[in-house]
């Protein structure tokens, strides 16, 4: 009985708890990144008409868009914007690289790295930075503070969709497979094989040794027949849940500039930004003009579309602010977001059930086979 408990305890710790802790940590980190990118888009842009010496000491956080111009002393980068230049201290910075994928797939994952690894970037690479700006000195200098690190996103593609693409791709493909998982699985398998070897040397320990060996093979069992069919379902349903979570965040993203219940708000640069309801025919016109129209993969009762943009003469137009875009959302955004969240949870639940069932099927077969071998 003690040996059985030991086998189950080892498997639980190394196959479930340790990777699970890593999974929750990874999901939290990416959630923090998405929040910080959203907050960066709400910060005022660093304006050349606003001298560094005039920045308030209590609220001196700004965002800045530009291209990498040069590197100084291994940790200072110079970024050239449309009409000004900013120096950024890369010590204590969070660095991300966003590739451009126009296919709309969330699988083009944004990469988190460090300045030491990203220091080989070529001149002209586009970058978004957000953080505190030092009001002292002749040139603006962005640096980390005690409570806030500098956010640095090197990116490809247009600025207009930068925030949306960061939110869309800023999530792990599968949180279970994280930096703790490989070492934990190997350690668990080695520990269980060791226990099985010790049990084989004891009288009447053969059955428990077979059980320990079968449990040790759990990390590879999903890839073996007949359980591989359930594993493929698990992968498909988990990706579906991830897609729904991405839509959950995207459909409510344009509302960040508006207060609850209001139809218009103000962009950080002072430009007006509004929301209007239109019919499907008008949404199709927007789409034909290349305006993004987001259709979440959930059932929507309403056929209306919510369009966000700068008020024009006859309709909403593309904002001048580089991080705000003209975009249309199918359905009421908050309702669609809730539906995506609920459906995503259901897909994640059934995917885990499918994975467990596949492992259980193969585990029963493995125990039966090993009993024949060690008879």
Protein backbone atom coordinates (compact mmCIF):
# COMPACT_ATOMS: atom_id res chain seq x y z
CA UNK A 1 0.00 0.00 0.00
CA UNK A 2 2.87 2.37 0.86
CA UNK A 3 4.57 1.69 -2.49
CA UNK A 4 1.33 2.39 -4.38
CA UNK A 5 0.92 5.71 -2.59
CA UNK A 6 4.55 6.57 -3.36
CA UNK A 7 4.07 5.87 -7.08
CA UNK A 8 0.90 7.98 -7.22
CA UNK A 9 2.55 10.77 -5.24
CA UNK A 10 5.59 10.91 -7.56
CA UNK A 11 3.38 10.98 -10.65
CA UNK A 12 1.17 13.69 -9.16
CA UNK A 13 4.08 15.92 -8.20
CA UNK A 14 6.17 15.60 -11.37
CA UNK A 15 3.44 15.12 -14.00
CA UNK A 16 0.74 17.42 -12.61
CA UNK A 17 1.78 19.84 -9.87
CA UNK A 18 5.15 21.10 -11.13
CA UNK A 19 4.02 21.58 -14.79
CA UNK A 20 0.74 22.99 -13.45
CA UNK A 21 2.54 25.64 -11.40
CA UNK A 22 4.54 26.54 -14.51
CA UNK A 23 1.33 26.69 -16.55
CA UNK A 24 -0.37 29.12 -14.16
CA UNK A 25 2.81 31.23 -14.05
CA UNK A 26 3.03 31.37 -17.85
CA UNK A 27 -0.64 32.30 -18.21
CA UNK A 28 -0.25 35.01 -15.55
CA UNK A 29 2.84 36.43 -17.28
CA UNK A 30 1.12 36.65 -20.66
CA UNK A 31 -1.98 38.16 -19.06
CA UNK A 32 0.28 40.78 -17.49
CA UNK A 33 1.86 41.50 -20.88
CA UNK A 34 -1.53 42.00 -22.53
CA UNK A 35 -2.57 44.35 -19.72
CA UNK A 36 0.66 46.35 -20.06
CA UNK A 37 0.30 46.72 -23.85
CA UNK A 38 -3.26 47.93 -23.36
CA UNK A 39 -2.11 50.40 -20.70
CA UNK A 40 0.72 51.58 -22.98
CA UNK A 41 -1.81 52.49 -25.68
CA UNK A 42 -3.66 54.61 -23.11
CA UNK A 43 -0.55 56.55 -22.08
CA UNK A 44 0.09 59.95 -23.68
CA UNK A 45 2.60 59.83 -26.54
CA UNK A 46 5.91 61.56 -25.97
CA UNK A 47 5.49 64.83 -27.82
CA UNK A 48 8.44 66.86 -29.13
CA UNK A 49 6.50 69.97 -28.10
CA UNK A 50 6.58 68.68 -24.52
CA UNK A 51 10.16 69.24 -23.29
CA UNK A 52 11.53 66.63 -20.90
CA UNK A 53 11.95 69.31 -18.24
CA UNK A 54 8.19 70.02 -18.32
CA UNK A 55 7.09 66.44 -17.64
CA UNK A 56 5.35 66.03 -14.27
CA UNK A 57 7.34 64.05 -11.74
CA UNK A 58 4.33 62.04 -10.54
CA UNK A 59 2.86 61.05 -13.90
CA UNK A 60 5.75 60.94 -16.35
CA UNK A 61 4.90 57.64 -18.11
CA UNK A 62 4.71 57.89 -21.88
CA UNK A 63 4.66 55.64 -24.93
CA UNK A 64 6.84 56.17 -27.97
CA UNK A 65 6.86 54.68 -31.47
CA UNK A 66 9.90 54.75 -33.68
CA UNK A 67 12.75 52.85 -35.28
CA UNK A 68 15.96 51.61 -33.73
CA UNK A 69 18.69 54.13 -34.53
CA UNK A 70 21.67 52.97 -32.50
CA UNK A 71 23.00 51.30 -29.35
CA UNK A 72 25.15 53.01 -26.77
CA UNK A 73 27.11 51.35 -23.92
CA UNK A 74 25.38 48.00 -24.55
CA UNK A 75 22.25 48.98 -22.63
CA UNK A 76 21.11 52.34 -24.06
CA UNK A 77 19.17 52.35 -27.32
CA UNK A 78 18.28 55.40 -29.37
CA UNK A 79 14.91 55.39 -31.08
CA UNK A 80 14.08 57.83 -33.85
CA UNK A 81 10.42 58.77 -34.12
CA UNK A 82 8.56 60.84 -36.66
CA UNK A 83 9.76 64.12 -35.20
CA UNK A 84 11.95 63.35 -32.17
CA UNK A 85 14.50 60.95 -30.70
CA UNK A 86 14.30 59.05 -27.43
CA UNK A 87 16.97 57.22 -25.41
CA UNK A 88 15.85 54.09 -23.55
CA UNK A 89 17.74 52.42 -20.72
CA UNK A 90 17.27 48.70 -21.37
CA UNK A 91 18.27 47.64 -17.85
CA UNK A 92 15.22 46.05 -16.18
CA UNK A 93 13.22 46.04 -19.40
CA UNK A 94 10.68 43.49 -20.65
CA UNK A 95 11.51 42.78 -24.29
CA UNK A 96 9.16 41.16 -26.81
CA UNK A 97 9.38 40.48 -30.54
CA UNK A 98 6.19 40.46 -32.60
CA UNK A 99 6.40 38.94 -36.11
CA UNK A 100 3.93 39.97 -38.78
CA UNK A 101 1.42 37.36 -39.85
CA UNK A 102 -1.41 38.60 -42.02
CA UNK A 103 -3.23 35.26 -41.98
CA UNK A 104 -5.14 36.06 -38.78
CA UNK A 105 -3.93 32.93 -37.01
CA UNK A 106 -3.18 33.24 -33.27
CA UNK A 107 -0.47 30.57 -33.62
CA UNK A 108 2.14 33.14 -34.74
CA UNK A 109 3.18 33.49 -31.13
CA UNK A 110 4.81 36.66 -29.89
CA UNK A 111 8.26 35.90 -28.44
CA UNK A 112 9.46 37.02 -25.03
CA UNK A 113 13.20 37.53 -24.85
CA UNK A 114 15.86 39.60 -23.05
CA UNK A 115 17.85 42.60 -24.18
CA UNK A 116 21.02 40.51 -24.13
CA UNK A 117 19.49 38.16 -26.71
CA UNK A 118 17.75 40.89 -28.70
CA UNK A 119 20.81 43.15 -28.82
CA UNK A 120 21.68 42.03 -32.36
CA UNK A 121 18.64 43.70 -33.91
CA UNK A 122 19.44 45.71 -36.99
CA UNK A 123 19.08 49.44 -37.38
CA UNK A 124 15.61 50.47 -38.55
CA UNK A 125 13.71 47.79 -36.61
CA UNK A 126 10.39 49.25 -35.52
CA UNK A 127 9.77 49.42 -31.78
CA UNK A 128 7.16 50.48 -29.23
CA UNK A 129 8.41 51.50 -25.78
CA UNK A 130 6.43 52.54 -22.72
CA UNK A 131 7.64 53.64 -19.33
CA UNK A 132 8.74 56.56 -17.19
CA UNK A 133 10.57 59.42 -18.88
CA UNK A 134 13.31 61.21 -16.94
CA UNK A 135 12.51 64.95 -16.85
CA UNK A 136 16.16 65.86 -16.20
CA UNK A 137 18.81 66.26 -18.87
CA UNK A 138 18.85 67.68 -22.37
CA UNK A 139 17.39 64.59 -24.05
CA UNK A 140 14.37 62.52 -22.99
CA UNK A 141 15.45 59.26 -21.33
CA UNK A 142 13.04 56.39 -20.63
CA UNK A 143 14.03 54.04 -17.83
CA UNK A 144 12.64 51.58 -15.32
CA UNK A 145 11.45 52.74 -11.92
CA UNK A 146 11.20 50.90 -8.64
CA UNK A 147 7.61 49.88 -9.41
CA UNK A 148 7.53 49.74 -13.21
CA UNK A 149 9.77 48.11 -15.82
CA UNK A 150 10.15 49.45 -19.34
CA UNK A 151 7.99 47.68 -21.91
CA UNK A 152 9.77 47.17 -25.24
CA UNK A 153 8.06 45.56 -28.25
CA UNK A 154 10.08 45.15 -31.45
CA UNK A 155 7.56 44.52 -34.21
CA UNK A 156 6.87 44.11 -37.88
CA UNK A 157 3.79 45.24 -39.76
CA UNK A 158 1.58 48.34 -39.43
CA UNK A 159 1.32 50.39 -36.23
CA UNK A 160 -2.47 50.57 -36.48
CA UNK A 161 -2.90 46.88 -35.69
CA UNK A 162 0.07 46.64 -33.29
CA UNK A 163 -1.95 46.56 -30.07
CA UNK A 164 -4.56 44.19 -31.49
CA UNK A 165 -1.89 41.80 -32.83
CA UNK A 166 -0.03 41.92 -29.50
CA UNK A 167 -3.19 41.02 -27.59
CA UNK A 168 -4.08 38.34 -30.16
CA UNK A 169 -0.68 36.61 -30.19
CA UNK A 170 0.43 37.36 -26.64
CA UNK A 171 -0.50 33.96 -25.18
CA UNK A 172 1.12 30.54 -24.87
CA UNK A 173 0.20 27.88 -27.42
CA UNK A 174 -0.19 25.38 -24.58
CA UNK A 175 0.53 26.51 -21.03
CA UNK A 176 1.19 22.97 -19.78
CA UNK A 177 4.31 22.79 -21.94
CA UNK A 178 6.46 25.42 -20.22
CA UNK A 179 10.07 25.75 -19.04
CA UNK A 180 9.43 23.50 -16.03
CA UNK A 181 7.72 20.69 -17.92
CA UNK A 182 10.60 18.84 -19.69
CA UNK A 183 12.80 18.58 -16.59
CA UNK A 184 9.84 17.65 -14.41
CA UNK A 185 8.67 14.87 -16.76
CA UNK A 186 12.18 13.41 -17.05
CA UNK A 187 12.67 13.54 -13.28
CA UNK A 188 9.31 11.88 -12.68
CA UNK A 189 9.99 9.10 -15.19
CA UNK A 190 13.45 8.46 -13.70
CA UNK A 191 12.04 8.36 -10.15
CA UNK A 192 9.30 5.92 -11.13
CA UNK A 193 11.70 3.64 -13.01
CA UNK A 194 13.93 3.62 -9.92
CA UNK A 195 10.97 2.68 -7.72
CA UNK A 196 10.02 -0.08 -10.18
CA UNK A 197 13.57 -1.48 -10.10
CA UNK A 198 13.55 -1.54 -6.30
CA UNK A 199 10.16 -3.27 -6.28
CA UNK A 200 11.35 -5.96 -8.70
CA UNK A 201 14.04 -6.94 -6.19
CA UNK A 202 11.45 -7.53 -3.48
CA UNK A 203 9.34 -10.68 -3.10
CA UNK A 204 5.80 -10.20 -4.43
CA UNK A 205 6.76 -6.80 -5.82
CA UNK A 206 6.24 -7.64 -9.47
CA UNK A 207 2.68 -6.31 -9.74
CA UNK A 208 3.59 -2.97 -8.17
CA UNK A 209 6.69 -2.74 -10.39
CA UNK A 210 4.50 -3.17 -13.47
CA UNK A 211 2.19 -0.45 -12.15
CA UNK A 212 5.14 1.92 -11.55
CA UNK A 213 6.56 1.28 -15.03
CA UNK A 214 3.19 1.92 -16.65
CA UNK A 215 2.77 5.19 -14.72
CA UNK A 216 6.31 6.20 -15.74
CA UNK A 217 5.26 5.94 -19.39
CA UNK A 218 2.37 8.43 -18.98
CA UNK A 219 4.24 11.36 -20.67
CA UNK A 220 4.47 9.39 -23.95
CA UNK A 221 1.18 7.52 -23.70
CA UNK A 222 -0.95 10.20 -25.42
CA UNK A 223 1.09 9.65 -28.60
CA UNK A 224 0.40 5.90 -28.78
CA UNK A 225 -2.66 4.12 -30.20
CA UNK A 226 -5.48 3.85 -29.41
CA UNK A 227 -5.30 6.90 -27.14
CA UNK A 228 -3.75 9.09 -29.82
CA UNK A 229 -7.20 9.73 -31.23
CA UNK A 230 -8.23 11.35 -27.94
CA UNK A 231 -4.95 13.29 -27.93
CA UNK A 232 -5.75 14.76 -31.35
CA UNK A 233 -9.18 15.77 -30.06
CA UNK A 234 -7.50 17.35 -27.04
CA UNK A 235 -5.20 19.41 -29.26
CA UNK A 236 -8.04 20.52 -31.52
CA UNK A 237 -10.35 21.51 -28.66
CA UNK A 238 -7.57 23.24 -26.72
CA UNK A 239 -6.67 25.33 -29.78
CA UNK A 240 -10.34 26.17 -30.16
CA UNK A 241 -10.43 27.40 -26.58
CA UNK A 242 -7.32 29.49 -27.18
CA UNK A 243 -8.89 31.01 -30.28
CA UNK A 244 -11.99 31.93 -28.28
CA UNK A 245 -9.89 33.52 -25.52
CA UNK A 246 -8.13 35.61 -28.16
CA UNK A 247 -11.47 36.79 -29.54
CA UNK A 248 -12.68 37.47 -25.98
CA UNK A 249 -9.93 40.07 -25.58
CA UNK A 250 -10.07 41.50 -29.10
CA UNK A 251 -13.79 42.31 -29.25
CA UNK A 252 -13.63 44.51 -26.16
CA UNK A 253 -10.25 46.09 -26.94
CA UNK A 254 -11.56 49.17 -28.85
CA UNK A 255 -13.77 50.05 -25.86
CA UNK A 256 -10.67 50.86 -23.77
CA UNK A 257 -10.88 54.46 -24.93
CA UNK A 258 -14.53 54.84 -23.89
CA UNK A 259 -16.04 55.09 -20.43
CA UNK A 260 -18.80 52.57 -19.60
CA UNK A 261 -22.10 53.64 -21.14
CA UNK A 262 -20.59 56.41 -23.27
CA UNK A 263 -20.43 56.41 -27.08
CA UNK A 264 -17.42 58.71 -27.43
CA UNK A 265 -14.12 59.11 -25.69
CA UNK A 266 -10.78 60.83 -26.11
CA UNK A 267 -7.57 59.28 -27.38
CA UNK A 268 -4.36 60.03 -25.44
CA UNK A 269 -3.37 62.65 -28.05
CA UNK A 270 -6.68 64.50 -27.61
CA UNK A 271 -8.46 63.08 -30.67
CA UNK A 272 -12.12 62.06 -30.38
CA UNK A 273 -12.91 58.35 -30.72
CA UNK A 274 -16.48 57.09 -31.03
CA UNK A 275 -18.61 53.97 -31.31
CA UNK A 276 -21.56 53.58 -33.66
CA UNK A 277 -23.94 50.74 -34.54
CA UNK A 278 -24.32 49.89 -38.23
CA UNK A 279 -26.02 47.19 -40.25
CA UNK A 280 -24.40 44.28 -42.04
CA UNK A 281 -24.40 46.07 -45.40
CA UNK A 282 -22.38 48.98 -44.01
CA UNK A 283 -20.00 46.56 -42.27
CA UNK A 284 -19.46 44.85 -45.64
CA UNK A 285 -18.60 48.22 -47.16
CA UNK A 286 -16.00 48.78 -44.44
CA UNK A 287 -14.57 45.32 -45.03
CA UNK A 288 -14.30 45.91 -48.78
CA UNK A 289 -12.24 49.01 -47.96
CA UNK A 290 -9.82 46.91 -45.91
CA UNK A 291 -11.20 47.84 -42.49
CA UNK A 292 -10.85 44.94 -39.98
CA UNK A 293 -14.20 43.34 -39.18
CA UNK A 294 -14.05 40.90 -36.27
CA UNK A 295 -16.43 37.93 -36.30
CA UNK A 296 -16.10 35.90 -33.11
CA UNK A 297 -16.67 32.11 -33.56
CA UNK A 298 -19.78 32.10 -31.34
CA UNK A 299 -23.48 32.29 -32.10
CA UNK A 300 -24.61 35.92 -32.16
CA UNK A 301 -28.29 36.77 -31.99
CA UNK A 302 -27.87 40.37 -33.16
CA UNK A 303 -26.78 41.13 -36.73
CA UNK A 304 -25.65 44.67 -35.88
CA UNK A 305 -22.00 45.74 -35.95
CA UNK A 306 -20.24 48.14 -33.60
CA UNK A 307 -17.80 50.40 -35.46
CA UNK A 308 -15.08 52.35 -33.63
CA UNK A 309 -13.22 55.27 -35.15
CA UNK A 310 -12.76 59.02 -35.49
CA UNK A 311 -15.94 60.99 -36.30
CA UNK A 312 -15.88 62.18 -39.90
CA UNK A 313 -18.23 64.17 -42.07
CA UNK A 314 -20.59 61.27 -42.84
CA UNK A 315 -19.13 58.25 -41.04
CA UNK A 316 -16.38 57.11 -38.73
CA UNK A 317 -12.89 57.32 -40.18
CA UNK A 318 -9.38 56.09 -39.39
CA UNK A 319 -7.95 57.91 -36.34
CA UNK A 320 -4.75 59.88 -36.72
CA UNK A 321 -3.37 58.32 -33.52
CA UNK A 322 -1.06 55.45 -34.59
CA UNK A 323 -2.19 52.96 -31.92
CA UNK A 324 -5.94 53.44 -32.46
CA UNK A 325 -7.66 51.90 -35.46
CA UNK A 326 -10.91 51.98 -37.36
CA UNK A 327 -12.47 48.59 -36.63
CA UNK A 328 -15.86 46.86 -36.65
CA UNK A 329 -17.06 44.20 -34.19
CA UNK A 330 -19.91 41.82 -35.04
CA UNK A 331 -22.44 41.93 -32.21
CA UNK A 332 -22.42 43.74 -28.87
CA UNK A 333 -18.79 43.55 -27.68
CA UNK A 334 -19.36 42.86 -23.98
CA UNK A 335 -21.93 40.15 -24.69
CA UNK A 336 -19.73 38.53 -27.34
CA UNK A 337 -16.76 38.65 -24.97
CA UNK A 338 -18.73 36.84 -22.24
CA UNK A 339 -19.89 34.20 -24.73
CA UNK A 340 -16.33 33.63 -25.90
CA UNK A 341 -15.13 33.25 -22.30
CA UNK A 342 -17.84 30.73 -21.40
CA UNK A 343 -17.37 28.71 -24.59
CA UNK A 344 -13.59 28.74 -24.16
CA UNK A 345 -13.91 27.25 -20.67
CA UNK A 346 -16.13 24.48 -22.00
CA UNK A 347 -13.64 23.62 -24.76
CA UNK A 348 -10.75 23.62 -22.29
CA UNK A 349 -12.67 21.32 -19.94
CA UNK A 350 -13.64 18.78 -22.60
CA UNK A 351 -10.11 18.84 -24.04
CA UNK A 352 -8.65 17.89 -20.65
CA UNK A 353 -11.27 15.16 -20.28
CA UNK A 354 -10.31 13.80 -23.72
CA UNK A 355 -6.61 13.80 -22.76
CA UNK A 356 -7.27 11.98 -19.48
CA UNK A 357 -9.45 9.39 -21.23
CA UNK A 358 -6.78 8.76 -23.85
CA UNK A 359 -4.12 8.28 -21.17
CA UNK A 360 -6.42 5.98 -19.20
CA UNK A 361 -7.08 3.82 -22.27
CA UNK A 362 -3.38 3.42 -22.99
CA UNK A 363 -2.54 2.92 -19.31
CA UNK A 364 -4.86 -0.07 -19.04
CA UNK A 365 -3.33 -1.56 -22.17
CA UNK A 366 0.22 -0.89 -20.95
CA UNK A 367 -0.41 -2.60 -17.60
CA UNK A 368 -1.88 -5.65 -19.34
CA UNK A 369 1.07 -5.85 -21.76
CA UNK A 370 3.68 -5.47 -19.01
CA UNK A 371 2.05 -8.21 -16.95
CA UNK A 372 2.56 -10.56 -19.88
CA UNK A 373 6.19 -9.50 -20.25
CA UNK A 374 7.10 -9.78 -16.55
CA UNK A 375 5.06 -12.92 -15.88
